[in-house]
C-alpha atoms as a PDB file:
ATOM      1  CA  MET A   1     -20.844  16.820  21.350  1.00  0.00           C
ATOM      2  CA  LYS A   2     -17.597  15.755  22.879  1.00  0.00           C
ATOM      3  CA  GLU A   3     -15.689  13.408  20.536  1.00  0.00           C
ATOM      4  CA  THR A   4     -13.839  10.461  22.092  1.00  0.00           C
ATOM      5  CA  PRO A   5     -10.884   8.556  20.485  1.00  0.00           C
ATOM      6  CA  LEU A   6     -13.060   5.539  20.051  1.00  0.00           C
ATOM      7  CA  CYS A   7     -15.697   7.468  18.207  1.00  0.00           C
ATOM      8  CA  ASN A   8     -13.070   8.966  15.906  1.00  0.00           C
ATOM      9  CA  HIS A   9     -11.533   5.507  15.342  1.00  0.00           C
ATOM     10  CA  ILE A  10     -14.930   4.037  14.466  1.00  0.00           C
ATOM     11  CA  ALA A  11     -15.650   6.869  12.031  1.00  0.00           C
ATOM     12  CA  HIS A  12     -12.233   6.543  10.473  1.00  0.00           C
ATOM     13  CA  LEU A  13     -12.565   2.778   9.941  1.00  0.00           C
ATOM     14  CA  ALA A  14     -16.024   3.292   8.383  1.00  0.00           C
ATOM     15  CA  THR A  15     -14.596   5.646   5.747  1.00  0.00           C
ATOM     16  CA  LEU A  16     -11.845   3.385   4.500  1.00  0.00           C
ATOM     17  CA  SER A  17     -13.719   1.588   1.746  1.00  0.00           C
ATOM     18  CA  THR A  18     -16.956   3.513   1.228  1.00  0.00           C
ATOM     19  CA  PRO A  19     -17.917   5.583  -1.761  1.00  0.00           C
ATOM     20  CA  ARG A  20     -18.501   9.278  -1.538  1.00  0.00           C
ATOM     21  CA  LEU A  21     -21.376   9.162   0.894  1.00  0.00           C
ATOM     22  CA  LEU A  22     -22.351  10.885   4.031  1.00  0.00           C
ATOM     23  CA  LEU A  23     -21.549   8.314   6.634  1.00  0.00           C
ATOM     24  CA  THR A  24     -23.499   8.075   9.843  1.00  0.00           C
ATOM     25  CA  VAL A  25     -21.743   6.220  12.502  1.00  0.00           C
ATOM     26  CA  ALA A  26     -23.562   5.628  15.799  1.00  0.00           C
ATOM     27  CA  ALA A  27     -21.197   4.924  18.641  1.00  0.00           C
ATOM     28  CA  SER A  28     -23.545   4.396  21.509  1.00  0.00           C
ATOM     29  CA  ARG A  29     -20.986   3.603  24.138  1.00  0.00           C
ATOM     30  CA  ALA A  30     -18.217   5.803  22.717  1.00  0.00           C
ATOM     31  CA  VAL A  31     -20.171   9.119  22.742  1.00  0.00           C
ATOM     32  CA  PRO A  32     -21.081  10.482  26.133  1.00  0.00           C
ATOM     33  CA  GLY A  33     -24.732  11.539  26.244  1.00  0.00           C
ATOM     34  CA  TYR A  34     -25.878   9.159  23.539  1.00  0.00           C
ATOM     35  CA  HIS A  35     -29.205   7.596  24.252  1.00  0.00           C
ATOM     36  CA  HIS A  36     -30.839   4.968  22.104  1.00  0.00           C
ATOM     37  CA  GLY A  37     -32.973   6.684  19.536  1.00  0.00           C
ATOM     38  CA  SER A  38     -31.482  10.126  19.886  1.00  0.00           C
ATOM     39  CA  LEU A  39     -29.385  11.798  17.188  1.00  0.00           C
ATOM     40  CA  SER A  40     -27.062  13.437  19.688  1.00  0.00           C
ATOM     41  CA  GLY A  41     -24.533  10.616  19.435  1.00  0.00           C
ATOM     42  CA  ILE A  42     -24.300  10.516  15.629  1.00  0.00           C
ATOM     43  CA  HIS A  43     -20.889  11.244  14.205  1.00  0.00           C
ATOM     44  CA  GLN A  44     -20.891  12.206  10.566  1.00  0.00           C
ATOM     45  CA  VAL A  45     -17.850  12.015   8.296  1.00  0.00           C
ATOM     46  CA  LYS A  46     -17.708  13.117   4.661  1.00  0.00           C
ATOM     47  CA  LEU A  47     -14.523  12.360   2.650  1.00  0.00           C
ATOM     48  CA  PRO A  48     -13.850  13.895  -0.752  1.00  0.00           C
ATOM     49  CA  LEU A  49     -13.572  11.543  -3.702  1.00  0.00           C
ATOM     50  CA  LYS A  50      -9.912  12.442  -4.149  1.00  0.00           C
ATOM     51  CA  ILE A  51      -9.021  11.213  -0.628  1.00  0.00           C
ATOM     52  CA  ILE A  52     -11.097   8.017  -1.123  1.00  0.00           C
ATOM     53  CA  LEU A  53      -9.186   7.249  -4.344  1.00  0.00           C
ATOM     54  CA  TRP A  54      -5.820   7.851  -2.775  1.00  0.00           C
ATOM     55  CA  ARG A  55      -6.766   5.635   0.130  1.00  0.00           C
ATOM     56  CA  SER A  56      -8.126   2.987  -2.185  1.00  0.00           C
ATOM     57  CA  PHE A  57      -4.810   3.022  -4.156  1.00  0.00           C
ATOM     58  CA  ALA A  58      -2.819   2.825  -0.925  1.00  0.00           C
ATOM     59  CA  LEU A  59      -4.823  -0.145   0.302  1.00  0.00           C
ATOM     60  CA  ALA A  60      -4.544  -1.910  -3.104  1.00  0.00           C
ATOM     61  CA  CYS A  61      -0.743  -1.479  -2.979  1.00  0.00           C
ATOM     62  CA  LEU A  62      -0.633  -2.605   0.627  1.00  0.00           C
ATOM     63  CA  ALA A  63      -2.648  -5.714  -0.301  1.00  0.00           C
ATOM     64  CA  LEU A  64      -0.277  -6.494  -3.175  1.00  0.00           C
ATOM     65  CA  ALA A  65       2.621  -6.082  -0.778  1.00  0.00           C
ATOM     66  CA  VAL A  66       1.048  -8.608   1.603  1.00  0.00           C
ATOM     67  CA  VAL A  67       0.475 -11.037  -1.250  1.00  0.00           C
ATOM     68  CA  GLY A  68       4.142 -10.453  -2.230  1.00  0.00           C
ATOM     69  CA  ILE A  69       5.179 -11.764   1.189  1.00  0.00           C
ATOM     70  CA  VAL A  70       3.698 -15.138   0.283  1.00  0.00           C
ATOM     71  CA  LEU A  71       4.443 -15.275  -3.421  1.00  0.00           C
ATOM     72  CA  PRO A  72       8.110 -14.985  -4.246  1.00  0.00           C
ATOM     73  CA  VAL A  73       7.405 -13.773  -7.786  1.00  0.00           C
ATOM     74  CA  LEU A  74       5.648 -10.623  -6.539  1.00  0.00           C
ATOM     75  CA  PRO A  75       7.919  -7.993  -4.916  1.00  0.00           C
ATOM     76  CA  THR A  76       6.812  -6.575  -1.549  1.00  0.00           C
ATOM     77  CA  VAL A  77       8.915  -3.404  -1.126  1.00  0.00           C
ATOM     78  CA  PRO A  78       7.928  -1.559  -4.328  1.00  0.00           C
ATOM     79  CA  PHE A  79       4.267  -1.920  -3.333  1.00  0.00           C
ATOM     80  CA  LEU A  80       5.047  -0.632   0.185  1.00  0.00           C
ATOM     81  CA  ILE A  81       6.834   2.335  -1.360  1.00  0.00           C
ATOM     82  CA  ALA A  82       3.785   3.010  -3.525  1.00  0.00           C
ATOM     83  CA  ALA A  83       1.461   2.615  -0.594  1.00  0.00           C
ATOM     84  CA  ALA A  84       3.496   5.124   1.455  1.00  0.00           C
ATOM     85  CA  TRP A  85       3.465   7.562  -1.429  1.00  0.00           C
ATOM     86  CA  ALA A  86      -0.301   7.214  -1.899  1.00  0.00           C
ATOM     87  CA  GLY A  87      -0.775   7.391   1.814  1.00  0.00           C
ATOM     88  CA  GLY A  88       1.140  10.734   1.858  1.00  0.00           C
ATOM     89  CA  LYS A  89      -1.392  12.058  -0.605  1.00  0.00           C
ATOM     90  CA  GLY A  90      -4.564  10.959   1.198  1.00  0.00           C
ATOM     91  CA  TRP A  91      -3.871   8.934   4.345  1.00  0.00           C
ATOM     92  CA  PRO A  92      -1.077  10.410   6.520  1.00  0.00           C
ATOM     93  CA  ARG A  93      -1.664   7.874   9.301  1.00  0.00           C
ATOM     94  CA  LEU A  94      -0.937   4.989   6.960  1.00  0.00           C
ATOM     95  CA  GLU A  95       2.143   6.728   5.630  1.00  0.00           C
ATOM     96  CA  ARG A  96       3.414   7.358   9.148  1.00  0.00           C
ATOM     97  CA  TRP A  97       2.686   3.713  10.061  1.00  0.00           C
ATOM     98  CA  LEU A  98       4.730   2.450   7.048  1.00  0.00           C
ATOM     99  CA  LEU A  99       7.586   4.857   7.702  1.00  0.00           C
ATOM    100  CA  ASP A 100       7.775   3.807  11.329  1.00  0.00           C
ATOM    101  CA  HIS A 101       7.637   0.089  10.550  1.00  0.00           C
ATOM    102  CA  PRO A 102      10.896  -1.394  12.010  1.00  0.00           C
ATOM    103  CA  ARG A 103      11.702  -3.520   9.005  1.00  0.00           C
ATOM    104  CA  HIS A 104      10.356  -1.758   5.933  1.00  0.00           C
ATOM    105  CA  GLY A 105      10.377   1.849   7.169  1.00  0.00           C
ATOM    106  CA  PRO A 106      14.166   2.387   6.677  1.00  0.00           C
ATOM    107  CA  ILE A 107      13.984   0.942   3.093  1.00  0.00           C
ATOM    108  CA  ILE A 108      11.093   3.259   2.173  1.00  0.00           C
ATOM    109  CA  LEU A 109      12.963   6.264   3.652  1.00  0.00           C
ATOM    110  CA  ARG A 110      16.157   5.350   1.782  1.00  0.00           C
ATOM    111  CA  TRP A 111      14.202   5.228  -1.394  1.00  0.00           C
ATOM    112  CA  ARG A 112      12.551   8.629  -0.757  1.00  0.00           C
ATOM    113  CA  ASP A 113      15.780  10.321   0.301  1.00  0.00           C
ATOM    114  CA  HIS A 114      18.342   8.829  -2.102  1.00  0.00           C
ATOM    115  CA  ARG A 115      16.435   6.619  -4.573  1.00  0.00           C
ATOM    116  CA  ALA A 116      18.647   3.880  -3.197  1.00  0.00           C
ATOM    117  CA  VAL A 117      17.927   0.126  -3.279  1.00  0.00           C
ATOM    118  CA  PRO A 118      19.708  -2.345  -0.982  1.00  0.00           C
ATOM    119  CA  ARG A 119      22.259  -4.543  -2.909  1.00  0.00           C
ATOM    120  CA  ARG A 120      20.696  -7.689  -1.362  1.00  0.00           C
ATOM    121  CA  ALA A 121      17.318  -6.673  -2.850  1.00  0.00           C
ATOM    122  CA  LYS A 122      18.917  -6.092  -6.282  1.00  0.00           C
ATOM    123  CA  ILE A 123      20.535  -9.511  -6.253  1.00  0.00           C
ATOM    124  CA  LEU A 124      17.357 -11.171  -5.093  1.00  0.00           C
ATOM    125  CA  ALA A 125      15.310  -9.414  -7.724  1.00  0.00           C
ATOM    126  CA  VAL A 126      17.707 -10.467 -10.538  1.00  0.00           C
ATOM    127  CA  CYS A 127      17.713 -14.034  -9.302  1.00  0.00           C
ATOM    128  CA  MET A 128      13.915 -14.180  -9.165  1.00  0.00           C
ATOM    129  CA  MET A 129      13.665 -12.716 -12.716  1.00  0.00           C
ATOM    130  CA  PHE A 130      16.175 -15.281 -13.958  1.00  0.00           C
ATOM    131  CA  LEU A 131      14.221 -18.063 -12.352  1.00  0.00           C
ATOM    132  CA  SER A 132      10.949 -16.667 -13.885  1.00  0.00           C
ATOM    133  CA  VAL A 133      12.506 -16.500 -17.367  1.00  0.00           C
ATOM    134  CA  SER A 134      13.863 -20.035 -16.985  1.00  0.00           C
ATOM    135  CA  ILE A 135      10.387 -21.325 -16.116  1.00  0.00           C
ATOM    136  CA  LEU A 136       8.835 -19.323 -18.875  1.00  0.00           C
ATOM    137  CA  THR A 137      11.133 -20.747 -21.488  1.00  0.00           C
ATOM    138  CA  LEU A 138      10.127 -24.236 -20.545  1.00  0.00           C
ATOM    139  CA  SER A 139       6.422 -23.367 -20.568  1.00  0.00           C
ATOM    140  CA  PRO A 140       4.057 -23.606 -23.538  1.00  0.00           C
ATOM    141  CA  ALA A 141       3.489 -19.881 -23.570  1.00  0.00           C
ATOM    142  CA  ALA A 142       3.331 -18.034 -26.910  1.00  0.00           C
ATOM    143  CA  LEU A 143       6.539 -16.957 -28.567  1.00  0.00           C
ATOM    144  CA  TRP A 144       5.677 -13.209 -28.179  1.00  0.00           C
ATOM    145  CA  VAL A 145       5.278 -13.792 -24.387  1.00  0.00           C
ATOM    146  CA  LYS A 146       8.650 -15.614 -24.303  1.00  0.00           C
ATOM    147  CA  VAL A 147      10.248 -12.551 -25.895  1.00  0.00           C
ATOM    148  CA  ALA A 148       8.343  -9.711 -24.284  1.00  0.00           C
ATOM    149  CA  VAL A 149       8.560 -10.819 -20.644  1.00  0.00           C
ATOM    150  CA  PRO A 150      12.390 -11.353 -20.582  1.00  0.00           C
ATOM    151  CA  THR A 151      12.828  -8.038 -22.424  1.00  0.00           C
ATOM    152  CA  LEU A 152      10.697  -6.277 -19.797  1.00  0.00           C
ATOM    153  CA  MET A 153      12.571  -7.983 -17.058  1.00  0.00           C
ATOM    154  CA  LEU A 154      15.876  -6.944 -18.612  1.00  0.00           C
ATOM    155  CA  LEU A 155      14.792  -3.312 -18.685  1.00  0.00           C
ATOM    156  CA  VAL A 156      13.613  -3.572 -15.070  1.00  0.00           C
ATOM    157  CA  GLY A 157      17.036  -5.056 -14.113  1.00  0.00           C
ATOM    158  CA  ILE A 158      18.890  -2.260 -15.873  1.00  0.00           C
ATOM    159  CA  TRP A 159      16.736   0.304 -14.158  1.00  0.00           C
ATOM    160  CA  LEU A 160      17.172  -1.351 -10.792  1.00  0.00           C
ATOM    161  CA  TRP A 161      21.015  -1.541 -11.068  1.00  0.00           C
ATOM    162  CA  SER A 162      21.153   2.069 -12.289  1.00  0.00           C
ATOM    163  CA  HIS A 163      20.134   3.193  -8.784  1.00  0.00           C
ATOM    164  CA  PRO A 164      22.708   3.515  -6.001  1.00  0.00           C
ATOM    165  CA  ASP A 165      23.104   0.825  -3.284  1.00  0.00           C
ATOM    166  CA  SER A 166      21.912   1.614   0.143  1.00  0.00           C
END
């Protein structure tokens, strides 16, 4: 059976969020020689559990990055970096797409090559952490939360500023 790009694309999309199963994808118009009711046009894909888990983690990180675009308290770039890392383990096309992204690709590459964080991102992160701690102190949260969260944010800030600027 001759495989067409559309058939491969359909099979690829079908494997993104399925458990370890033997997938049967019928692409009637994408596969030459396929006739309704015949098995000649069936394309079967079997992904190992390890690949499915890496892809699931990459998709979860990508989803959190998208949510981070809308919510200012959730960072976007760290989740994109994690998605590219997980994509490199089990989804090279996603990794390549993220690395080739015009806005976020260079940031991910600078992190990979030099563990560098843009100064603007550091300043923005510290400002958001300060704003979050200010709101937290005014909230009716428990005392242990009012101590633990700022302590964690302080540690993250120290870690962030210990990396070189890009």
